[in-house]
């Protein structure tokens, strides 16, 4: 799932080398949280106007996780 997230975000940012993704262990509800870090100048590109791009990224990630019976959350830091 990290590779899917990295592939999506790499197409949006100007500096794909600055992408860092960390993964937390599943919490008590079984949700795995991915923390996405990008270069400060690319943060706006990943979030988008009114958070639309961030919401779309989260929807795609949840759909991919549902295929393998996982629960995922994406946080943009």
N, C-alpha and C. Protein backbone atom coordinates (compact mmCIF):
# COMPACT_ATOMS: atom_id res chain seq x y z
N UNK A 1 0.82 -1.19 0.00
CA UNK A 1 0.00 0.00 0.00
C UNK A 1 0.87 1.26 0.00
N UNK A 2 2.06 1.17 0.59
CA UNK A 2 2.95 2.32 0.57
C UNK A 2 3.35 2.69 -0.85
N UNK A 3 3.57 1.68 -1.67
CA UNK A 3 3.96 1.95 -3.06
C UNK A 3 2.83 2.63 -3.83
N UNK A 4 1.60 2.23 -3.58
CA UNK A 4 0.45 2.87 -4.24
C UNK A 4 0.40 4.35 -3.84
N UNK A 5 0.54 4.63 -2.57
CA UNK A 5 0.50 6.01 -2.09
C UNK A 5 1.65 6.82 -2.68
N UNK A 6 2.83 6.24 -2.70
CA UNK A 6 3.99 6.95 -3.24
C UNK A 6 3.81 7.23 -4.73
N UNK A 7 3.26 6.29 -5.47
CA UNK A 7 3.03 6.46 -6.91
C UNK A 7 2.04 7.59 -7.17
N UNK A 8 0.97 7.63 -6.39
CA UNK A 8 -0.04 8.67 -6.56
C UNK A 8 0.56 10.05 -6.27
N UNK A 9 1.24 10.15 -5.15
CA UNK A 9 1.77 11.45 -4.73
C UNK A 9 2.92 11.91 -5.62
N UNK A 10 3.73 11.00 -6.13
CA UNK A 10 4.87 11.37 -6.98
C UNK A 10 4.40 12.09 -8.23
N UNK A 11 3.23 11.78 -8.72
CA UNK A 11 2.71 12.45 -9.90
C UNK A 11 2.21 13.85 -9.62
N UNK A 12 2.03 14.18 -8.36
CA UNK A 12 1.48 15.49 -8.00
C UNK A 12 2.54 16.52 -7.62
N UNK A 13 3.64 16.06 -7.07
CA UNK A 13 4.63 16.99 -6.50
C UNK A 13 5.75 17.31 -7.48
N UNK A 14 6.45 18.42 -7.21
CA UNK A 14 7.60 18.80 -8.04
C UNK A 14 8.88 18.13 -7.58
N UNK A 15 8.93 17.74 -6.30
CA UNK A 15 10.13 17.14 -5.73
C UNK A 15 9.80 15.74 -5.19
N UNK A 16 9.72 14.73 -6.06
CA UNK A 16 9.34 13.39 -5.60
C UNK A 16 10.37 12.73 -4.68
N UNK A 17 11.60 13.25 -4.66
CA UNK A 17 12.62 12.67 -3.78
C UNK A 17 12.36 13.00 -2.32
N UNK A 18 11.55 14.02 -2.05
CA UNK A 18 11.27 14.46 -0.68
C UNK A 18 10.09 13.71 -0.06
N UNK A 19 9.48 12.80 -0.79
CA UNK A 19 8.33 12.07 -0.26
C UNK A 19 8.80 11.06 0.78
N UNK A 20 8.20 11.14 1.96
CA UNK A 20 8.47 10.17 3.02
C UNK A 20 7.14 9.63 3.53
N UNK A 21 7.06 8.32 3.64
CA UNK A 21 5.84 7.69 4.13
C UNK A 21 6.22 6.79 5.29
N UNK A 22 5.58 7.02 6.43
CA UNK A 22 5.78 6.14 7.58
C UNK A 22 4.47 5.45 7.88
N UNK A 23 4.59 4.24 8.38
CA UNK A 23 3.41 3.40 8.63
C UNK A 23 3.36 3.04 10.10
N UNK A 24 2.22 3.30 10.73
CA UNK A 24 2.02 2.92 12.12
C UNK A 24 1.51 1.49 12.20
N UNK A 25 1.74 0.87 13.33
CA UNK A 25 1.17 -0.46 13.57
C UNK A 25 -0.35 -0.32 13.69
N UNK A 26 -1.10 -1.36 13.37
CA UNK A 26 -2.56 -1.28 13.48
C UNK A 26 -2.98 -0.92 14.91
N UNK A 27 -3.96 -0.01 15.02
CA UNK A 27 -4.46 0.35 16.34
C UNK A 27 -5.48 -0.67 16.82
N UNK A 28 -6.16 -0.38 17.93
CA UNK A 28 -7.10 -1.35 18.50
C UNK A 28 -8.27 -1.68 17.58
N UNK A 29 -8.56 -0.79 16.62
CA UNK A 29 -9.64 -1.05 15.66
C UNK A 29 -9.12 -1.69 14.38
N UNK A 30 -7.82 -1.93 14.30
CA UNK A 30 -7.24 -2.56 13.13
C UNK A 30 -6.91 -1.60 12.00
N UNK A 31 -6.91 -0.30 12.28
CA UNK A 31 -6.64 0.70 11.25
C UNK A 31 -5.14 0.99 11.19
N UNK A 32 -4.58 0.91 10.00
CA UNK A 32 -3.18 1.24 9.78
C UNK A 32 -3.12 2.68 9.29
N UNK A 33 -2.32 3.50 9.97
CA UNK A 33 -2.22 4.92 9.61
C UNK A 33 -0.91 5.16 8.86
N UNK A 34 -1.04 5.75 7.68
CA UNK A 34 0.12 6.15 6.89
C UNK A 34 0.31 7.65 7.06
N UNK A 35 1.52 8.06 7.43
CA UNK A 35 1.85 9.48 7.56
C UNK A 35 2.65 9.88 6.33
N UNK A 36 2.14 10.86 5.60
CA UNK A 36 2.76 11.32 4.36
C UNK A 36 3.44 12.65 4.61
N UNK A 37 4.74 12.72 4.31
CA UNK A 37 5.51 13.95 4.42
C UNK A 37 6.04 14.30 3.03
N UNK A 38 5.79 15.55 2.62
CA UNK A 38 6.32 16.04 1.35
C UNK A 38 7.07 17.34 1.61
N UNK A 39 7.75 17.85 0.61
CA UNK A 39 8.45 19.12 0.75
C UNK A 39 7.43 20.22 1.06
N UNK A 40 7.82 21.21 1.87
CA UNK A 40 6.87 22.27 2.25
C UNK A 40 6.20 22.96 1.06
N UNK A 41 6.94 23.15 -0.02
CA UNK A 41 6.33 23.84 -1.18
C UNK A 41 5.36 22.94 -1.94
N UNK A 42 5.38 21.64 -1.69
CA UNK A 42 4.46 20.70 -2.37
C UNK A 42 3.23 20.36 -1.53
N UNK A 43 3.18 20.83 -0.30
CA UNK A 43 2.04 20.48 0.57
C UNK A 43 0.72 20.91 -0.04
N UNK A 44 0.67 22.12 -0.58
CA UNK A 44 -0.56 22.62 -1.19
C UNK A 44 -1.00 21.78 -2.38
N UNK A 45 -0.06 21.26 -3.13
CA UNK A 45 -0.40 20.43 -4.29
C UNK A 45 -1.04 19.12 -3.85
N UNK A 46 -0.58 18.58 -2.74
CA UNK A 46 -1.11 17.30 -2.27
C UNK A 46 -2.48 17.48 -1.60
N UNK A 47 -2.67 18.61 -0.93
CA UNK A 47 -3.95 18.85 -0.26
C UNK A 47 -5.00 19.32 -1.25
N UNK A 48 -4.65 20.23 -2.14
CA UNK A 48 -5.58 20.72 -3.15
C UNK A 48 -6.55 21.75 -2.59
N UNK A 49 -7.32 22.33 -3.46
CA UNK A 49 -8.30 23.33 -3.04
C UNK A 49 -9.39 22.67 -2.21
N UNK A 50 -9.59 23.22 -1.03
CA UNK A 50 -10.59 22.72 -0.07
C UNK A 50 -10.37 21.25 0.26
N UNK A 51 -9.14 20.77 0.11
CA UNK A 51 -8.82 19.40 0.49
C UNK A 51 -9.32 18.33 -0.46
N UNK A 52 -9.66 18.72 -1.67
CA UNK A 52 -10.24 17.75 -2.61
C UNK A 52 -9.26 16.67 -3.03
N UNK A 53 -8.02 17.04 -3.29
CA UNK A 53 -7.03 16.05 -3.73
C UNK A 53 -6.71 15.10 -2.58
N UNK A 54 -6.56 15.65 -1.37
CA UNK A 54 -6.29 14.80 -0.20
C UNK A 54 -7.44 13.81 0.02
N UNK A 55 -8.66 14.27 -0.16
CA UNK A 55 -9.82 13.39 0.01
C UNK A 55 -9.81 12.29 -1.05
N UNK A 56 -9.47 12.65 -2.28
CA UNK A 56 -9.42 11.66 -3.36
C UNK A 56 -8.34 10.62 -3.10
N UNK A 57 -7.18 11.06 -2.60
CA UNK A 57 -6.11 10.12 -2.26
C UNK A 57 -6.58 9.14 -1.20
N UNK A 58 -7.27 9.65 -0.18
CA UNK A 58 -7.77 8.79 0.90
C UNK A 58 -8.79 7.77 0.38
N UNK A 59 -9.65 8.21 -0.53
CA UNK A 59 -10.66 7.30 -1.10
C UNK A 59 -9.99 6.18 -1.89
N UNK A 60 -9.01 6.51 -2.69
CA UNK A 60 -8.30 5.50 -3.49
C UNK A 60 -7.58 4.51 -2.57
N UNK A 61 -6.93 5.03 -1.54
CA UNK A 61 -6.21 4.16 -0.60
C UNK A 61 -7.16 3.23 0.15
N UNK A 62 -8.30 3.75 0.57
CA UNK A 62 -9.29 2.89 1.27
C UNK A 62 -9.83 1.82 0.35
N UNK A 63 -10.06 2.17 -0.91
CA UNK A 63 -10.56 1.19 -1.88
C UNK A 63 -9.54 0.09 -2.11
N UNK A 64 -8.28 0.47 -2.23
CA UNK A 64 -7.22 -0.53 -2.40
C UNK A 64 -7.08 -1.41 -1.17
N UNK A 65 -7.23 -0.84 0.00
CA UNK A 65 -7.12 -1.60 1.24
C UNK A 65 -8.30 -2.54 1.42
N UNK A 66 -9.46 -2.14 0.95
CA UNK A 66 -10.66 -2.97 1.09
C UNK A 66 -10.51 -4.28 0.32
N UNK A 67 -9.76 -4.25 -0.77
CA UNK A 67 -9.55 -5.47 -1.55
C UNK A 67 -8.80 -6.52 -0.75
N UNK A 68 -7.93 -6.07 0.16
CA UNK A 68 -7.16 -7.02 0.96
C UNK A 68 -7.65 -7.06 2.41
N UNK A 69 -8.89 -6.63 2.63
CA UNK A 69 -9.53 -6.65 3.95
C UNK A 69 -8.72 -5.93 5.01
N UNK A 70 -8.20 -4.77 4.66
CA UNK A 70 -7.46 -3.93 5.61
C UNK A 70 -8.20 -2.61 5.76
N UNK A 71 -7.89 -1.92 6.85
CA UNK A 71 -8.42 -0.58 7.06
C UNK A 71 -7.24 0.38 7.10
N UNK A 72 -7.36 1.47 6.35
CA UNK A 72 -6.25 2.40 6.20
C UNK A 72 -6.73 3.82 6.40
N UNK A 73 -5.86 4.63 7.00
CA UNK A 73 -6.06 6.08 7.08
C UNK A 73 -4.78 6.75 6.60
N UNK A 74 -4.93 7.88 5.94
CA UNK A 74 -3.78 8.63 5.44
C UNK A 74 -3.79 10.00 6.08
N UNK A 75 -2.68 10.36 6.72
CA UNK A 75 -2.52 11.69 7.30
C UNK A 75 -1.41 12.41 6.57
N UNK A 76 -1.69 13.65 6.20
CA UNK A 76 -0.70 14.46 5.50
C UNK A 76 -0.09 15.42 6.51
N UNK A 77 1.20 15.26 6.75
CA UNK A 77 1.89 16.09 7.75
C UNK A 77 2.75 17.13 7.07
